[in-house]
C-alpha atoms as a PDB file:
ATOM      1  CA  MET A   1    -166.136 -88.968-103.097  1.00  0.00           C
ATOM      2  CA  CYS A   2    -169.289 -88.839-105.188  1.00  0.00           C
ATOM      3  CA  PRO A   3    -170.476 -85.179-105.431  1.00  0.00           C
ATOM      4  CA  SER A   4    -174.082 -86.033-104.545  1.00  0.00           C
ATOM      5  CA  ILE A   5    -172.979 -87.851-101.401  1.00  0.00           C
ATOM      6  CA  GLN A   6    -170.583 -85.056-100.494  1.00  0.00           C
ATOM      7  CA  THR A   7    -173.383 -82.466-100.502  1.00  0.00           C
ATOM      8  CA  LEU A   8    -175.199 -84.519 -97.881  1.00  0.00           C
ATOM      9  CA  ASP A   9    -172.183 -84.444 -95.586  1.00  0.00           C
ATOM     10  CA  GLY A  10    -172.888 -82.019 -92.736  1.00  0.00           C
ATOM     11  CA  LEU A  11    -169.238 -81.008 -92.523  1.00  0.00           C
ATOM     12  CA  ASN A  12    -169.667 -79.086 -95.781  1.00  0.00           C
ATOM     13  CA  TRP A  13    -172.372 -76.939 -94.194  1.00  0.00           C
ATOM     14  CA  GLN A  14    -170.567 -75.861 -90.998  1.00  0.00           C
ATOM     15  CA  SER A  15    -169.259 -72.578 -92.388  1.00  0.00           C
ATOM     16  CA  ILE A  16    -170.893 -70.359 -95.002  1.00  0.00           C
ATOM     17  CA  ASN A  17    -169.419 -67.086 -96.215  1.00  0.00           C
ATOM     18  CA  LEU A  18    -171.818 -65.069 -98.361  1.00  0.00           C
ATOM     19  CA  LYS A  19    -169.771 -61.868 -98.251  1.00  0.00           C
ATOM     20  CA  SER A  20    -168.536 -62.268-101.832  1.00  0.00           C
ATOM     21  CA  PHE A  21    -172.116 -62.682-103.028  1.00  0.00           C
ATOM     22  CA  GLN A  22    -173.315 -59.556-101.243  1.00  0.00           C
ATOM     23  CA  ARG A  23    -175.292 -58.235-104.195  1.00  0.00           C
ATOM     24  CA  ASP A  24    -177.052 -61.549-104.836  1.00  0.00           C
ATOM     25  CA  ILE A  25    -178.231 -62.386-101.318  1.00  0.00           C
ATOM     26  CA  ASP A  26    -181.732 -61.531-100.183  1.00  0.00           C
ATOM     27  CA  GLY A  27    -183.919 -62.560 -97.264  1.00  0.00           C
ATOM     28  CA  ASN A  28    -185.146 -65.700 -99.017  1.00  0.00           C
ATOM     29  CA  VAL A  29    -181.597 -67.050 -99.074  1.00  0.00           C
ATOM     30  CA  LEU A  30    -181.489 -66.770 -95.286  1.00  0.00           C
ATOM     31  CA  GLU A  31    -184.743 -68.648 -94.936  1.00  0.00           C
ATOM     32  CA  ASN A  32    -183.586 -71.417 -97.274  1.00  0.00           C
ATOM     33  CA  LEU A  33    -180.200 -71.930 -95.610  1.00  0.00           C
ATOM     34  CA  ASN A  34    -181.842 -73.752 -92.730  1.00  0.00           C
ATOM     35  CA  LYS A  35    -183.177 -76.399 -95.117  1.00  0.00           C
ATOM     36  CA  GLN A  36    -179.667 -77.171 -96.367  1.00  0.00           C
ATOM     37  CA  CYS A  37    -177.671 -76.659 -93.193  1.00  0.00           C
ATOM     38  CA  GLY A  38    -179.944 -77.846 -90.438  1.00  0.00           C
ATOM     39  CA  THR A  39    -178.078 -78.204 -87.193  1.00  0.00           C
ATOM     40  CA  PHE A  40    -174.673 -78.350 -88.903  1.00  0.00           C
ATOM     41  CA  LEU A  41    -174.174 -74.611 -89.475  1.00  0.00           C
ATOM     42  CA  LYS A  42    -171.746 -73.037 -86.985  1.00  0.00           C
ATOM     43  CA  ARG A  43    -170.380 -70.008 -88.843  1.00  0.00           C
ATOM     44  CA  LEU A  44    -172.260 -67.578 -91.079  1.00  0.00           C
ATOM     45  CA  ASN A  45    -170.981 -64.408 -92.708  1.00  0.00           C
ATOM     46  CA  ILE A  46    -173.557 -62.144 -94.379  1.00  0.00           C
ATOM     47  CA  GLU A  47    -171.430 -58.972 -94.256  1.00  0.00           C
ATOM     48  CA  ASN A  48    -172.640 -56.136 -96.458  1.00  0.00           C
ATOM     49  CA  CYS A  49    -175.476 -58.125 -98.021  1.00  0.00           C
ATOM     50  CA  LYS A  50    -177.117 -55.078 -99.511  1.00  0.00           C
ATOM     51  CA  PHE A  51    -180.329 -56.738-100.669  1.00  0.00           C
ATOM     52  CA  ILE A  52    -181.351 -57.826 -97.190  1.00  0.00           C
ATOM     53  CA  THR A  53    -183.170 -54.516 -96.940  1.00  0.00           C
ATOM     54  CA  VAL A  54    -186.667 -55.344 -95.815  1.00  0.00           C
ATOM     55  CA  ILE A  55    -186.603 -55.475 -92.028  1.00  0.00           C
ATOM     56  CA  ILE A  56    -189.294 -58.139 -91.701  1.00  0.00           C
ATOM     57  CA  ILE A  57    -187.517 -60.431 -94.200  1.00  0.00           C
ATOM     58  CA  CYS A  58    -184.230 -59.957 -92.375  1.00  0.00           C
ATOM     59  CA  GLU A  59    -185.824 -60.621 -88.976  1.00  0.00           C
ATOM     60  CA  ASN A  60    -187.730 -63.695 -90.147  1.00  0.00           C
ATOM     61  CA  GLY A  61    -184.732 -65.105 -92.000  1.00  0.00           C
ATOM     62  CA  ILE A  62    -182.372 -64.738 -89.045  1.00  0.00           C
ATOM     63  CA  ARG A  63    -185.012 -66.000 -86.592  1.00  0.00           C
ATOM     64  CA  ILE A  64    -185.557 -69.150 -88.673  1.00  0.00           C
ATOM     65  CA  LEU A  65    -181.797 -69.657 -89.017  1.00  0.00           C
ATOM     66  CA  ALA A  66    -181.203 -69.131 -85.299  1.00  0.00           C
ATOM     67  CA  GLU A  67    -183.964 -71.581 -84.382  1.00  0.00           C
ATOM     68  CA  SER A  68    -182.767 -74.275 -86.771  1.00  0.00           C
ATOM     69  CA  CYS A  69    -179.004 -73.728 -86.361  1.00  0.00           C
ATOM     70  CA  PRO A  70    -178.422 -73.684 -82.585  1.00  0.00           C
ATOM     71  CA  LYS A  71    -174.717 -74.470 -83.003  1.00  0.00           C
ATOM     72  CA  PHE A  72    -173.865 -70.993 -84.315  1.00  0.00           C
ATOM     73  CA  THR A  73    -170.529 -69.913 -82.860  1.00  0.00           C
ATOM     74  CA  ILE A  74    -169.723 -67.116 -85.324  1.00  0.00           C
ATOM     75  CA  PHE A  75    -172.211 -64.710 -86.866  1.00  0.00           C
ATOM     76  CA  LYS A  76    -171.048 -61.748 -88.958  1.00  0.00           C
ATOM     77  CA  ALA A  77    -173.529 -59.193 -90.247  1.00  0.00           C
ATOM     78  CA  GLU A  78    -171.362 -56.082 -90.605  1.00  0.00           C
ATOM     79  CA  GLY A  79    -173.058 -53.432 -92.679  1.00  0.00           C
ATOM     80  CA  CYS A  80    -176.427 -55.184 -92.739  1.00  0.00           C
ATOM     81  CA  THR A  81    -178.181 -52.039 -91.635  1.00  0.00           C
ATOM     82  CA  HIS A  82    -181.540 -53.756 -91.225  1.00  0.00           C
ATOM     83  CA  MET A  83    -180.327 -56.007 -88.432  1.00  0.00           C
ATOM     84  CA  THR A  84    -182.575 -55.080 -85.534  1.00  0.00           C
ATOM     85  CA  ASN A  85    -182.959 -55.652 -81.830  1.00  0.00           C
ATOM     86  CA  ASN A  86    -185.231 -58.603 -82.578  1.00  0.00           C
ATOM     87  CA  VAL A  87    -182.469 -60.289 -84.566  1.00  0.00           C
ATOM     88  CA  ALA A  88    -180.011 -59.863 -81.689  1.00  0.00           C
ATOM     89  CA  ILE A  89    -182.415 -61.406 -79.196  1.00  0.00           C
ATOM     90  CA  GLU A  90    -183.204 -64.362 -81.496  1.00  0.00           C
ATOM     91  CA  LEU A  91    -179.501 -65.111 -81.859  1.00  0.00           C
ATOM     92  CA  GLY A  92    -179.066 -64.941 -78.102  1.00  0.00           C
ATOM     93  CA  LYS A  93    -182.089 -67.066 -77.224  1.00  0.00           C
ATOM     94  CA  ASN A  94    -181.419 -69.788 -79.760  1.00  0.00           C
ATOM     95  CA  CYS A  95    -177.616 -69.865 -80.098  1.00  0.00           C
ATOM     96  CA  SER A  96    -176.146 -70.206 -76.611  1.00  0.00           C
ATOM     97  CA  ASN A  97    -172.747 -71.258 -78.036  1.00  0.00           C
ATOM     98  CA  LEU A  98    -172.230 -67.907 -79.752  1.00  0.00           C
ATOM     99  CA  LEU A  99    -168.572 -66.857 -79.422  1.00  0.00           C
ATOM    100  CA  PHE A 100    -168.014 -64.165 -82.050  1.00  0.00           C
ATOM    101  CA  LEU A 101    -170.635 -61.622 -83.092  1.00  0.00           C
ATOM    102  CA  VAL A 102    -170.135 -58.809 -85.610  1.00  0.00           C
ATOM    103  CA  LEU A 103    -172.964 -56.279 -85.827  1.00  0.00           C
ATOM    104  CA  ASN A 104    -170.828 -53.340 -86.946  1.00  0.00           C
ATOM    105  CA  ARG A 105    -172.875 -50.522 -88.535  1.00  0.00           C
ATOM    106  CA  CYS A 106    -176.180 -52.120 -87.475  1.00  0.00           C
ATOM    107  CA  SER A 107    -177.621 -48.823 -86.307  1.00  0.00           C
ATOM    108  CA  PHE A 108    -180.953 -50.180 -85.019  1.00  0.00           C
ATOM    109  CA  LEU A 109    -179.323 -51.951 -82.049  1.00  0.00           C
ATOM    110  CA  THR A 110    -179.971 -50.701 -78.519  1.00  0.00           C
ATOM    111  CA  ASP A 111    -178.890 -51.627 -75.015  1.00  0.00           C
ATOM    112  CA  ASP A 112    -181.919 -53.665 -74.004  1.00  0.00           C
ATOM    113  CA  ARG A 113    -181.468 -56.306 -76.701  1.00  0.00           C
ATOM    114  CA  LEU A 114    -177.696 -56.586 -76.426  1.00  0.00           C
ATOM    115  CA  ILE A 115    -178.148 -56.916 -72.676  1.00  0.00           C
ATOM    116  CA  ALA A 116    -180.617 -59.757 -73.270  1.00  0.00           C
ATOM    117  CA  LEU A 117    -178.210 -61.319 -75.765  1.00  0.00           C
ATOM    118  CA  ALA A 118    -175.463 -61.233 -73.116  1.00  0.00           C
ATOM    119  CA  HIS A 119    -177.742 -63.038 -70.655  1.00  0.00           C
ATOM    120  CA  TYR A 120    -178.318 -65.833 -73.175  1.00  0.00           C
ATOM    121  CA  SER A 121    -174.744 -66.011 -74.529  1.00  0.00           C
ATOM    122  CA  PRO A 122    -172.348 -66.626 -71.630  1.00  0.00           C
ATOM    123  CA  LEU A 123    -169.625 -67.920 -73.979  1.00  0.00           C
ATOM    124  CA  LEU A 124    -169.487 -64.707 -76.024  1.00  0.00           C
ATOM    125  CA  ASP A 125    -165.830 -63.835 -76.520  1.00  0.00           C
ATOM    126  CA  THR A 126    -165.882 -61.053 -79.128  1.00  0.00           C
ATOM    127  CA  LEU A 127    -168.422 -58.366 -79.947  1.00  0.00           C
ATOM    128  CA  ILE A 128    -167.944 -55.899 -82.798  1.00  0.00           C
ATOM    129  CA  VAL A 129    -170.503 -53.092 -82.551  1.00  0.00           C
ATOM    130  CA  ALA A 130    -168.557 -50.169 -83.998  1.00  0.00           C
ATOM    131  CA  ASN A 131    -170.801 -47.381 -85.240  1.00  0.00           C
ATOM    132  CA  CYS A 132    -173.783 -48.643 -83.239  1.00  0.00           C
ATOM    133  CA  THR A 133    -174.575 -45.374 -81.510  1.00  0.00           C
ATOM    134  CA  GLY A 134    -177.561 -46.613 -79.478  1.00  0.00           C
ATOM    135  CA  LEU A 135    -175.404 -48.481 -76.946  1.00  0.00           C
ATOM    136  CA  THR A 136    -174.399 -47.230 -73.498  1.00  0.00           C
ATOM    137  CA  ASP A 137    -172.384 -48.325 -70.474  1.00  0.00           C
ATOM    138  CA  ASP A 138    -175.222 -50.664 -69.518  1.00  0.00           C
ATOM    139  CA  THR A 139    -174.122 -52.942 -72.355  1.00  0.00           C
ATOM    140  CA  LEU A 140    -170.509 -52.893 -71.114  1.00  0.00           C
ATOM    141  CA  ILE A 141    -171.525 -53.702 -67.550  1.00  0.00           C
ATOM    142  CA  THR A 142    -173.757 -56.582 -68.632  1.00  0.00           C
ATOM    143  CA  LEU A 143    -171.115 -58.074 -70.921  1.00  0.00           C
ATOM    144  CA  GLU A 144    -168.644 -58.048 -68.063  1.00  0.00           C
ATOM    145  CA  ARG A 145    -171.139 -59.614 -65.673  1.00  0.00           C
ATOM    146  CA  TYR A 146    -172.603 -62.389 -67.846  1.00  0.00           C
ATOM    147  CA  CYS A 147    -170.074 -63.202 -70.567  1.00  0.00           C
ATOM    148  CA  TYR A 148    -167.294 -64.696 -68.493  1.00  0.00           C
ATOM    149  CA  GLN A 149    -165.025 -65.393 -71.510  1.00  0.00           C
ATOM    150  CA  PHE A 150    -165.462 -61.945 -73.013  1.00  0.00           C
ATOM    151  CA  ASN A 151    -162.170 -60.408 -74.146  1.00  0.00           C
ATOM    152  CA  LYS A 152    -162.688 -58.235 -77.228  1.00  0.00           C
ATOM    153  CA  LEU A 153    -165.002 -55.329 -77.836  1.00  0.00           C
ATOM    154  CA  ASP A 154    -164.852 -52.971 -80.788  1.00  0.00           C
ATOM    155  CA  GLY A 155    -167.191 -50.089 -80.094  1.00  0.00           C
ATOM    156  CA  ILE A 156    -165.563 -47.280 -82.081  1.00  0.00           C
ATOM    157  CA  VAL A 157    -167.973 -44.352 -82.477  1.00  0.00           C
ATOM    158  CA  SER A 158    -170.349 -45.929 -79.967  1.00  0.00           C
ATOM    159  CA  SER A 159    -170.049 -42.590 -78.230  1.00  0.00           C
ATOM    160  CA  GLU A 160    -172.355 -43.360 -75.329  1.00  0.00           C
ATOM    161  CA  PHE A 161    -169.673 -45.545 -73.722  1.00  0.00           C
ATOM    162  CA  SER A 162    -168.098 -43.459 -70.970  1.00  0.00           C
ATOM    163  CA  THR A 163    -164.340 -43.279 -70.645  1.00  0.00           C
ATOM    164  CA  LEU A 164    -164.467 -43.927 -66.895  1.00  0.00           C
ATOM    165  CA  ASN A 165    -166.379 -47.196 -67.164  1.00  0.00           C
ATOM    166  CA  PHE A 166    -164.247 -48.298 -70.060  1.00  0.00           C
ATOM    167  CA  TYR A 167    -160.965 -47.789 -68.193  1.00  0.00           C
ATOM    168  CA  GLN A 168    -162.317 -49.464 -65.068  1.00  0.00           C
ATOM    169  CA  TRP A 169    -163.222 -52.432 -67.188  1.00  0.00           C
ATOM    170  CA  LEU A 170    -159.837 -52.784 -68.893  1.00  0.00           C
ATOM    171  CA  LYS A 171    -157.705 -55.561 -67.538  1.00  0.00           C
ATOM    172  CA  SER A 172    -155.524 -57.575 -69.873  1.00  0.00           C
ATOM    173  CA  GLU A 173    -158.245 -57.878 -72.504  1.00  0.00           C
ATOM    174  CA  GLU A 174    -158.364 -56.178 -75.878  1.00  0.00           C
ATOM    175  CA  TYR A 175    -160.969 -53.455 -76.251  1.00  0.00           C
ATOM    176  CA  VAL A 176    -161.269 -50.778 -78.897  1.00  0.00           C
ATOM    177  CA  LEU A 177    -163.509 -47.814 -78.211  1.00  0.00           C
END
């Protein structure tokens, strides 16, 4: 296939992994992805992108991506410490097909936004929020109530989760706290 025609094929833009470029990615890259990917993008990995350090750039970039890429099913932002509550809510509001969300070590996250995300993302299956210490049992309860396919939670060092609620919630699913 001709390379110029192949780049126009939306199938090439369904999954983007920027993890190996972590030192070269900044907020402008996020904003420009929507121009290339449009509604094709389903999976994005920006793990440990160390130059996405300005909160407003991170928030605007993810907001624009979420608005223009509503088919997101997988979003990984482990170690992107400037991921905020606003980013979580934008993903929830705009990406109702979200299945797999990794926000490990995103220390700005709190219950209220993850609760809102759960309301908007009923298909959410997996949530990785290890080392997000601002979360409590309210997040667990809401995930159970609204995300009917939910079966994996990694909340290691999210110390506000109580043991009692966690064990009541365990069924045959896989949870790591």
